[in-house]
Amino acid sequence: MSEPNILVDISDQIATITINRPKSMNSVTEEVFLDLEQIINELEADDKVAVMIITGAGEKAFIAGGDITNMVEAEPEWARQFALLAQRVLNRLEESNKPVIAAINGYALGGGCELAMACDIRIASEKALLGQPEVKLGIIPGFAGTQRLSRLVGKGLAKEIIFTGEMIDAAEACRIGLVNRVVAPDQLMEAAREMAATIAERSRTAVRISKEAINNGLEMDMGRAERYEADLFALCFAGEDQREGMAAFVEKRKAVFKGK
């Protein structure tokens, strides 16, 4: 019996999703994306899960990219449908109502870098290498890499990374804002879980609404985004978490949130 493409472990309100194709450096295929989409849907519906972490199996790769062996003889329409599938799943990940942390343990190239960019927070091992090397294969990033990278690091740096196809190390990725922080390899999952645990202690409602405000507001002009934020701020006052959080602050005790 073959190993599943993706492993899921749930403990202490944290779901750890592991892309489990170490023999191919955790490269992604249509099947992997469909499996990931199903897992995201299941975890979103699971009240025991507050935060998700995504990582790769083994020590070499987070996700080394798309499975090139499947693409060598591909026709244009297949390539288009594959890109649209990947974009749909990564959009689903980005828009998930739960925060997602990428624990980048090694190579995050091509589709792997694109998947990491769809996560809310990226923590990288000192050994991690990131990049969009598609031009070396005669193609471009197809899983929204041209768009997310530009939004994360700016147009000039995104063009440099994509046009050259060169990898950058974790320290440089952190410097330009592609990853949030860099840690020693043996501390990566501990750091990701610590951050996930901190987020899990907060109001799920407030975290979810904050994510909506950031993601959606960035697509608006400043005036509309400010009004949108004010509406969401007001919405918080309709729930139990606001009352509990403020009461706990006044009473000098730890808040016990119940919002989902």
C-alpha atoms as a PDB file:
ATOM      1  CA  MET A   1       0.000   0.000   0.000  1.00  0.00           C
ATOM      2  CA  SER A   2       1.438   3.359  -1.023  1.00  0.00           C
ATOM      3  CA  GLU A   3       2.058   6.178   1.435  1.00  0.00           C
ATOM      4  CA  PRO A   4      -0.471   9.045   1.388  1.00  0.00           C
ATOM      5  CA  ASN A   5       0.612  12.229  -0.364  1.00  0.00           C
ATOM      6  CA  ILE A   6      -0.231  14.277   2.715  1.00  0.00           C
ATOM      7  CA  LEU A   7      -0.092  13.463   6.424  1.00  0.00           C
ATOM      8  CA  VAL A   8      -2.178  15.294   9.036  1.00  0.00           C
ATOM      9  CA  ASP A   9      -1.628  15.371  12.784  1.00  0.00           C
ATOM     10  CA  ILE A  10      -3.908  17.266  15.165  1.00  0.00           C
ATOM     11  CA  SER A  11      -2.928  18.084  18.737  1.00  0.00           C
ATOM     12  CA  ASP A  12      -3.465  21.020  21.099  1.00  0.00           C
ATOM     13  CA  GLN A  13      -5.681  22.852  18.561  1.00  0.00           C
ATOM     14  CA  ILE A  14      -2.887  22.732  15.942  1.00  0.00           C
ATOM     15  CA  ALA A  15      -3.133  20.735  12.707  1.00  0.00           C
ATOM     16  CA  THR A  16       0.236  19.890  11.147  1.00  0.00           C
ATOM     17  CA  ILE A  17      -0.043  19.154   7.423  1.00  0.00           C
ATOM     18  CA  THR A  18       3.006  17.399   5.942  1.00  0.00           C
ATOM     19  CA  ILE A  19       3.496  17.075   2.193  1.00  0.00           C
ATOM     20  CA  ASN A  20       4.704  13.491   2.126  1.00  0.00           C
ATOM     21  CA  ARG A  21       6.603  12.833  -1.117  1.00  0.00           C
ATOM     22  CA  PRO A  22      10.228  12.923   0.085  1.00  0.00           C
ATOM     23  CA  LYS A  23      11.519  10.724  -2.755  1.00  0.00           C
ATOM     24  CA  SER A  24      10.531  13.483  -5.217  1.00  0.00           C
ATOM     25  CA  MET A  25      11.503  16.339  -2.865  1.00  0.00           C
ATOM     26  CA  ASN A  26       7.782  16.741  -2.025  1.00  0.00           C
ATOM     27  CA  SER A  27       6.994  17.938  -5.538  1.00  0.00           C
ATOM     28  CA  VAL A  28       3.344  18.721  -6.185  1.00  0.00           C
ATOM     29  CA  THR A  29       0.996  17.150  -8.709  1.00  0.00           C
ATOM     30  CA  GLU A  30      -2.693  17.463  -9.541  1.00  0.00           C
ATOM     31  CA  GLU A  31      -3.402  14.690  -7.045  1.00  0.00           C
ATOM     32  CA  VAL A  32      -1.477  16.483  -4.285  1.00  0.00           C
ATOM     33  CA  PHE A  33      -3.440  19.688  -4.840  1.00  0.00           C
ATOM     34  CA  LEU A  34      -6.772  17.848  -4.800  1.00  0.00           C
ATOM     35  CA  ASP A  35      -5.776  16.054  -1.592  1.00  0.00           C
ATOM     36  CA  LEU A  36      -4.707  19.360  -0.032  1.00  0.00           C
ATOM     37  CA  GLU A  37      -7.987  21.015  -0.985  1.00  0.00           C
ATOM     38  CA  GLN A  38      -9.964  18.242   0.705  1.00  0.00           C
ATOM     39  CA  ILE A  39      -7.804  18.456   3.827  1.00  0.00           C
ATOM     40  CA  ILE A  40      -8.232  22.241   4.084  1.00  0.00           C
ATOM     41  CA  ASN A  41     -12.015  21.831   3.840  1.00  0.00           C
ATOM     42  CA  GLU A  42     -12.014  19.160   6.556  1.00  0.00           C
ATOM     43  CA  LEU A  43      -9.793  21.147   8.919  1.00  0.00           C
ATOM     44  CA  GLU A  44     -11.844  24.297   8.458  1.00  0.00           C
ATOM     45  CA  ALA A  45     -14.917  22.395   9.613  1.00  0.00           C
ATOM     46  CA  ASP A  46     -13.118  20.901  12.630  1.00  0.00           C
ATOM     47  CA  ASP A  47     -13.712  22.980  15.764  1.00  0.00           C
ATOM     48  CA  LYS A  48     -10.761  21.263  17.449  1.00  0.00           C
ATOM     49  CA  VAL A  49      -8.405  23.048  15.039  1.00  0.00           C
ATOM     50  CA  ALA A  50      -7.478  26.696  15.566  1.00  0.00           C
ATOM     51  CA  VAL A  51      -4.272  26.967  13.506  1.00  0.00           C
ATOM     52  CA  MET A  52      -2.671  25.004  10.663  1.00  0.00           C
ATOM     53  CA  ILE A  53       1.042  24.404   9.991  1.00  0.00           C
ATOM     54  CA  ILE A  54       2.279  23.190   6.595  1.00  0.00           C
ATOM     55  CA  THR A  55       5.693  21.582   6.148  1.00  0.00           C
ATOM     56  CA  GLY A  56       7.469  18.998   4.013  1.00  0.00           C
ATOM     57  CA  ALA A  57       8.566  15.449   4.822  1.00  0.00           C
ATOM     58  CA  GLY A  58      12.264  14.790   5.258  1.00  0.00           C
ATOM     59  CA  GLU A  59      15.125  17.212   5.801  1.00  0.00           C
ATOM     60  CA  LYS A  60      15.850  18.371   2.245  1.00  0.00           C
ATOM     61  CA  ALA A  61      12.698  19.997   0.957  1.00  0.00           C
ATOM     62  CA  PHE A  62       9.606  21.915   1.954  1.00  0.00           C
ATOM     63  CA  ILE A  63       8.306  21.570  -1.605  1.00  0.00           C
ATOM     64  CA  ALA A  64      10.848  21.590  -4.418  1.00  0.00           C
ATOM     65  CA  GLY A  65       8.216  22.603  -6.981  1.00  0.00           C
ATOM     66  CA  GLY A  66       5.903  20.965  -9.464  1.00  0.00           C
ATOM     67  CA  ASP A  67       6.636  17.429 -10.608  1.00  0.00           C
ATOM     68  CA  ILE A  68       8.517  18.181 -13.842  1.00  0.00           C
ATOM     69  CA  THR A  69       8.303  14.569 -15.028  1.00  0.00           C
ATOM     70  CA  ASN A  70       4.564  15.132 -15.478  1.00  0.00           C
ATOM     71  CA  MET A  71       5.082  18.294 -17.526  1.00  0.00           C
ATOM     72  CA  VAL A  72       7.763  17.468 -20.097  1.00  0.00           C
ATOM     73  CA  GLU A  73       5.286  16.444 -22.824  1.00  0.00           C
ATOM     74  CA  ALA A  74       2.308  18.435 -21.531  1.00  0.00           C
ATOM     75  CA  GLU A  75      -0.027  20.278 -23.910  1.00  0.00           C
ATOM     76  CA  PRO A  76      -0.925  23.960 -23.371  1.00  0.00           C
ATOM     77  CA  GLU A  77      -4.493  23.241 -22.260  1.00  0.00           C
ATOM     78  CA  TRP A  78      -3.312  20.724 -19.653  1.00  0.00           C
ATOM     79  CA  ALA A  79      -0.840  23.317 -18.346  1.00  0.00           C
ATOM     80  CA  ARG A  80      -3.596  25.931 -18.136  1.00  0.00           C
ATOM     81  CA  GLN A  81      -5.928  23.614 -16.226  1.00  0.00           C
ATOM     82  CA  PHE A  82      -3.116  22.561 -13.873  1.00  0.00           C
ATOM     83  CA  ALA A  83      -2.295  26.209 -13.135  1.00  0.00           C
ATOM     84  CA  LEU A  84      -5.960  27.007 -12.521  1.00  0.00           C
ATOM     85  CA  LEU A  85      -6.286  24.036 -10.149  1.00  0.00           C
ATOM     86  CA  ALA A  86      -3.185  25.076  -8.201  1.00  0.00           C
ATOM     87  CA  GLN A  87      -4.370  28.678  -8.043  1.00  0.00           C
ATOM     88  CA  ARG A  88      -7.787  27.569  -6.779  1.00  0.00           C
ATOM     89  CA  VAL A  89      -6.287  25.488  -3.988  1.00  0.00           C
ATOM     90  CA  LEU A  90      -3.729  28.118  -2.971  1.00  0.00           C
ATOM     91  CA  ASN A  91      -6.470  30.763  -2.943  1.00  0.00           C
ATOM     92  CA  ARG A  92      -8.464  28.413  -0.719  1.00  0.00           C
ATOM     93  CA  LEU A  93      -5.468  28.184   1.586  1.00  0.00           C
ATOM     94  CA  GLU A  94      -4.944  31.949   1.633  1.00  0.00           C
ATOM     95  CA  GLU A  95      -8.629  32.608   2.281  1.00  0.00           C
ATOM     96  CA  SER A  96      -9.029  29.893   4.926  1.00  0.00           C
ATOM     97  CA  ASN A  97     -10.873  31.080   8.012  1.00  0.00           C
ATOM     98  CA  LYS A  98      -7.983  29.728  10.099  1.00  0.00           C
ATOM     99  CA  PRO A  99      -4.405  31.041  10.150  1.00  0.00           C
ATOM    100  CA  VAL A 100      -1.801  29.005   8.286  1.00  0.00           C
ATOM    101  CA  ILE A 101       1.925  28.917   9.095  1.00  0.00           C
ATOM    102  CA  ALA A 102       4.469  27.575   6.593  1.00  0.00           C
ATOM    103  CA  ALA A 103       7.386  25.803   8.304  1.00  0.00           C
ATOM    104  CA  ILE A 104       9.954  25.883   5.493  1.00  0.00           C
ATOM    105  CA  ASN A 105      12.425  23.109   6.229  1.00  0.00           C
ATOM    106  CA  GLY A 106      14.397  23.070   2.970  1.00  0.00           C
ATOM    107  CA  TYR A 107      13.949  23.840  -0.717  1.00  0.00           C
ATOM    108  CA  ALA A 108      10.874  25.989  -1.403  1.00  0.00           C
ATOM    109  CA  LEU A 109      11.124  26.434  -5.139  1.00  0.00           C
ATOM    110  CA  GLY A 110       8.578  27.155  -7.856  1.00  0.00           C
ATOM    111  CA  GLY A 111       5.254  25.776  -6.679  1.00  0.00           C
ATOM    112  CA  GLY A 112       6.728  25.292  -3.212  1.00  0.00           C
ATOM    113  CA  CYS A 113       7.548  28.970  -2.870  1.00  0.00           C
ATOM    114  CA  GLU A 114       4.110  29.787  -4.271  1.00  0.00           C
ATOM    115  CA  LEU A 115       2.426  27.545  -1.697  1.00  0.00           C
ATOM    116  CA  ALA A 116       4.450  29.129   1.113  1.00  0.00           C
ATOM    117  CA  MET A 117       3.419  32.599  -0.071  1.00  0.00           C
ATOM    118  CA  ALA A 118      -0.255  31.585   0.166  1.00  0.00           C
ATOM    119  CA  CYS A 119       0.242  30.919   3.897  1.00  0.00           C
ATOM    120  CA  ASP A 120      -0.256  33.720   6.400  1.00  0.00           C
ATOM    121  CA  ILE A 121       3.132  33.428   8.118  1.00  0.00           C
ATOM    122  CA  ARG A 122       6.396  31.865   6.946  1.00  0.00           C
ATOM    123  CA  ILE A 123       9.084  30.537   9.318  1.00  0.00           C
ATOM    124  CA  ALA A 124      12.215  29.191   7.623  1.00  0.00           C
ATOM    125  CA  SER A 125      15.064  26.938   8.639  1.00  0.00           C
ATOM    126  CA  GLU A 126      18.516  28.459   8.252  1.00  0.00           C
ATOM    127  CA  LYS A 127      19.074  25.799   5.578  1.00  0.00           C
ATOM    128  CA  ALA A 128      16.026  26.781   3.527  1.00  0.00           C
ATOM    129  CA  LEU A 129      16.421  28.018  -0.026  1.00  0.00           C
ATOM    130  CA  LEU A 130      13.613  29.825  -1.821  1.00  0.00           C
ATOM    131  CA  GLY A 131      13.061  30.880  -5.392  1.00  0.00           C
ATOM    132  CA  GLN A 132      11.057  30.877  -8.604  1.00  0.00           C
ATOM    133  CA  PRO A 133      13.362  29.073 -11.073  1.00  0.00           C
ATOM    134  CA  GLU A 134      10.747  28.555 -13.792  1.00  0.00           C
ATOM    135  CA  VAL A 135      12.568  30.651 -16.417  1.00  0.00           C
ATOM    136  CA  LYS A 136      15.329  28.036 -16.351  1.00  0.00           C
ATOM    137  CA  LEU A 137      12.706  25.587 -17.656  1.00  0.00           C
ATOM    138  CA  GLY A 138      11.346  27.936 -20.302  1.00  0.00           C
ATOM    139  CA  ILE A 139       8.162  28.737 -18.385  1.00  0.00           C
ATOM    140  CA  ILE A 140       6.914  31.278 -15.821  1.00  0.00           C
ATOM    141  CA  PRO A 141       5.445  30.819 -12.330  1.00  0.00           C
ATOM    142  CA  GLY A 142       1.895  29.589 -12.868  1.00  0.00           C
ATOM    143  CA  PHE A 143       0.437  29.221  -9.388  1.00  0.00           C
ATOM    144  CA  ALA A 144       0.080  33.017  -8.848  1.00  0.00           C
ATOM    145  CA  GLY A 145       3.780  33.436  -8.092  1.00  0.00           C
ATOM    146  CA  THR A 146       4.128  36.533 -10.276  1.00  0.00           C
ATOM    147  CA  GLN A 147       1.320  38.141  -8.285  1.00  0.00           C
ATOM    148  CA  ARG A 148       1.957  37.092  -4.685  1.00  0.00           C
ATOM    149  CA  LEU A 149       5.709  37.641  -4.853  1.00  0.00           C
ATOM    150  CA  SER A 150       5.215  41.178  -6.182  1.00  0.00           C
ATOM    151  CA  ARG A 151       2.792  41.936  -3.375  1.00  0.00           C
ATOM    152  CA  LEU A 152       5.123  40.532  -0.712  1.00  0.00           C
ATOM    153  CA  VAL A 153       8.500  41.975  -1.712  1.00  0.00           C
ATOM    154  CA  GLY A 154       7.670  44.661  -4.268  1.00  0.00           C
ATOM    155  CA  LYS A 155       7.765  44.707  -8.047  1.00  0.00           C
ATOM    156  CA  GLY A 156      11.502  45.273  -8.475  1.00  0.00           C
ATOM    157  CA  LEU A 157      12.667  42.434  -6.243  1.00  0.00           C
ATOM    158  CA  ALA A 158       9.996  40.100  -7.618  1.00  0.00           C
ATOM    159  CA  LYS A 159      11.253  40.750 -11.141  1.00  0.00           C
ATOM    160  CA  GLU A 160      14.841  40.099 -10.081  1.00  0.00           C
ATOM    161  CA  ILE A 161      13.945  36.792  -8.409  1.00  0.00           C
ATOM    162  CA  ILE A 162      11.750  35.623 -11.300  1.00  0.00           C
ATOM    163  CA  PHE A 163      13.883  36.902 -14.196  1.00  0.00           C
ATOM    164  CA  THR A 164      17.115  35.366 -12.857  1.00  0.00           C
ATOM    165  CA  GLY A 165      15.557  32.178 -11.524  1.00  0.00           C
ATOM    166  CA  GLU A 166      18.220  32.132  -8.812  1.00  0.00           C
ATOM    167  CA  MET A 167      17.627  30.790  -5.316  1.00  0.00           C
ATOM    168  CA  ILE A 168      17.962  32.995  -2.234  1.00  0.00           C
ATOM    169  CA  ASP A 169      18.848  31.790   1.241  1.00  0.00           C
ATOM    170  CA  ALA A 170      16.645  32.107   4.287  1.00  0.00           C
ATOM    171  CA  ALA A 171      18.470  35.156   5.667  1.00  0.00           C
ATOM    172  CA  GLU A 172      17.988  37.089   2.432  1.00  0.00           C
ATOM    173  CA  ALA A 173      14.366  35.951   2.202  1.00  0.00           C
ATOM    174  CA  CYS A 174      13.818  37.331   5.698  1.00  0.00           C
ATOM    175  CA  ARG A 175      15.576  40.603   4.867  1.00  0.00           C
ATOM    176  CA  ILE A 176      13.277  41.293   1.905  1.00  0.00           C
ATOM    177  CA  GLY A 177      10.112  40.202   3.709  1.00  0.00           C
ATOM    178  CA  LEU A 178       9.516  36.905   1.950  1.00  0.00           C
ATOM    179  CA  VAL A 179       9.713  35.042   5.281  1.00  0.00           C
ATOM    180  CA  ASN A 180       8.863  36.308   8.760  1.00  0.00           C
ATOM    181  CA  ARG A 181      11.713  34.728  10.704  1.00  0.00           C
ATOM    182  CA  VAL A 182      14.609  32.288  10.441  1.00  0.00           C
ATOM    183  CA  VAL A 183      15.503  29.655  13.031  1.00  0.00           C
ATOM    184  CA  ALA A 184      17.960  26.778  13.432  1.00  0.00           C
ATOM    185  CA  PRO A 185      16.853  23.626  11.575  1.00  0.00           C
ATOM    186  CA  ASP A 186      16.289  21.648  14.769  1.00  0.00           C
ATOM    187  CA  GLN A 187      14.127  24.442  16.178  1.00  0.00           C
ATOM    188  CA  LEU A 188      11.866  24.935  13.150  1.00  0.00           C
ATOM    189  CA  MET A 189       8.831  22.888  14.162  1.00  0.00           C
ATOM    190  CA  GLU A 190       9.121  24.013  17.781  1.00  0.00           C
ATOM    191  CA  ALA A 191       9.119  27.654  16.640  1.00  0.00           C
ATOM    192  CA  ALA A 192       6.147  27.051  14.337  1.00  0.00           C
ATOM    193  CA  ARG A 193       4.200  25.284  17.081  1.00  0.00           C
ATOM    194  CA  GLU A 194       5.020  27.992  19.626  1.00  0.00           C
ATOM    195  CA  MET A 195       3.659  30.639  17.297  1.00  0.00           C
ATOM    196  CA  ALA A 196       0.630  28.494  16.478  1.00  0.00           C
ATOM    197  CA  ALA A 197      -0.034  27.940  20.197  1.00  0.00           C
ATOM    198  CA  THR A 198       0.140  31.673  20.865  1.00  0.00           C
ATOM    199  CA  ILE A 199      -2.366  32.357  18.088  1.00  0.00           C
ATOM    200  CA  ALA A 200      -4.608  29.513  19.307  1.00  0.00           C
ATOM    201  CA  GLU A 201      -4.890  31.233  22.711  1.00  0.00           C
ATOM    202  CA  ARG A 202      -6.340  34.359  21.154  1.00  0.00           C
ATOM    203  CA  SER A 203      -9.927  34.981  20.127  1.00  0.00           C
ATOM    204  CA  ARG A 204     -10.595  32.831  17.058  1.00  0.00           C
ATOM    205  CA  THR A 205     -13.225  35.330  15.962  1.00  0.00           C
ATOM    206  CA  ALA A 206     -10.830  38.267  16.195  1.00  0.00           C
ATOM    207  CA  VAL A 207      -8.025  36.381  14.419  1.00  0.00           C
ATOM    208  CA  ARG A 208     -10.380  35.336  11.617  1.00  0.00           C
ATOM    209  CA  ILE A 209     -11.744  38.850  11.182  1.00  0.00           C
ATOM    210  CA  SER A 210      -8.221  40.316  11.277  1.00  0.00           C
ATOM    211  CA  LYS A 211      -7.237  37.981   8.437  1.00  0.00           C
ATOM    212  CA  GLU A 212     -10.257  39.080   6.418  1.00  0.00           C
ATOM    213  CA  ALA A 213      -9.445  42.739   7.035  1.00  0.00           C
ATOM    214  CA  ILE A 214      -5.833  42.383   5.889  1.00  0.00           C
ATOM    215  CA  ASN A 215      -6.445  40.154   2.872  1.00  0.00           C
ATOM    216  CA  ASN A 216      -9.462  41.996   1.523  1.00  0.00           C
ATOM    217  CA  GLY A 217      -8.376  45.500   2.523  1.00  0.00           C
ATOM    218  CA  LEU A 218      -5.170  45.257   0.507  1.00  0.00           C
ATOM    219  CA  GLU A 219      -7.286  44.982  -2.644  1.00  0.00           C
ATOM    220  CA  MET A 220      -9.104  48.266  -1.877  1.00  0.00           C
ATOM    221  CA  ASP A 221      -8.103  51.916  -1.948  1.00  0.00           C
ATOM    222  CA  MET A 222      -7.233  53.351   1.467  1.00  0.00           C
ATOM    223  CA  GLY A 223     -10.579  55.072   2.049  1.00  0.00           C
ATOM    224  CA  ARG A 224     -12.660  51.986   1.312  1.00  0.00           C
ATOM    225  CA  ALA A 225     -10.262  49.803   3.305  1.00  0.00           C
ATOM    226  CA  GLU A 226     -10.593  52.051   6.363  1.00  0.00           C
ATOM    227  CA  ARG A 227     -14.393  51.925   6.226  1.00  0.00           C
ATOM    228  CA  TYR A 228     -14.238  48.154   5.774  1.00  0.00           C
ATOM    229  CA  GLU A 229     -12.006  47.879   8.842  1.00  0.00           C
ATOM    230  CA  ALA A 230     -14.401  50.034  10.873  1.00  0.00           C
ATOM    231  CA  ASP A 231     -17.306  47.763   9.914  1.00  0.00           C
ATOM    232  CA  LEU A 232     -15.372  44.659  10.968  1.00  0.00           C
ATOM    233  CA  PHE A 233     -14.244  46.376  14.182  1.00  0.00           C
ATOM    234  CA  ALA A 234     -17.897  47.057  14.999  1.00  0.00           C
ATOM    235  CA  LEU A 235     -18.813  43.451  14.171  1.00  0.00           C
ATOM    236  CA  CYS A 236     -16.477  42.253  16.940  1.00  0.00           C
ATOM    237  CA  PHE A 237     -18.725  43.985  19.488  1.00  0.00           C
ATOM    238  CA  ALA A 238     -21.615  41.698  18.524  1.00  0.00           C
ATOM    239  CA  GLY A 239     -19.855  38.595  19.851  1.00  0.00           C
ATOM    240  CA  GLU A 240     -19.000  37.003  23.171  1.00  0.00           C
ATOM    241  CA  ASP A 241     -15.233  37.209  22.692  1.00  0.00           C
ATOM    242  CA  GLN A 242     -15.164  40.997  22.898  1.00  0.00           C
ATOM    243  CA  ARG A 243     -17.067  40.985  26.169  1.00  0.00           C
ATOM    244  CA  GLU A 244     -14.919  38.202  27.619  1.00  0.00           C
ATOM    245  CA  GLY A 245     -11.636  39.752  26.475  1.00  0.00           C
ATOM    246  CA  MET A 246     -12.402  43.191  27.862  1.00  0.00           C
ATOM    247  CA  ALA A 247     -13.881  41.823  31.090  1.00  0.00           C
ATOM    248  CA  ALA A 248     -10.738  39.734  31.612  1.00  0.00           C
ATOM    249  CA  PHE A 249      -8.563  42.798  31.038  1.00  0.00           C
ATOM    250  CA  VAL A 250     -10.513  44.862  33.583  1.00  0.00           C
ATOM    251  CA  GLU A 251     -10.561  41.982  36.088  1.00  0.00           C
ATOM    252  CA  LYS A 252      -6.827  41.281  35.555  1.00  0.00           C
ATOM    253  CA  ARG A 253      -7.303  37.621  34.613  1.00  0.00           C
ATOM    254  CA  LYS A 254      -6.650  35.484  31.543  1.00  0.00           C
ATOM    255  CA  ALA A 255      -9.432  35.543  28.963  1.00  0.00           C
ATOM    256  CA  VAL A 256     -11.208  32.300  28.107  1.00  0.00           C
ATOM    257  CA  PHE A 257     -12.492  32.697  24.569  1.00  0.00           C
ATOM    258  CA  LYS A 258     -15.302  30.586  23.155  1.00  0.00           C
ATOM    259  CA  GLY A 259     -15.758  32.065  19.690  1.00  0.00           C
ATOM    260  CA  LYS A 260     -15.348  29.800  16.636  1.00  0.00           C
END
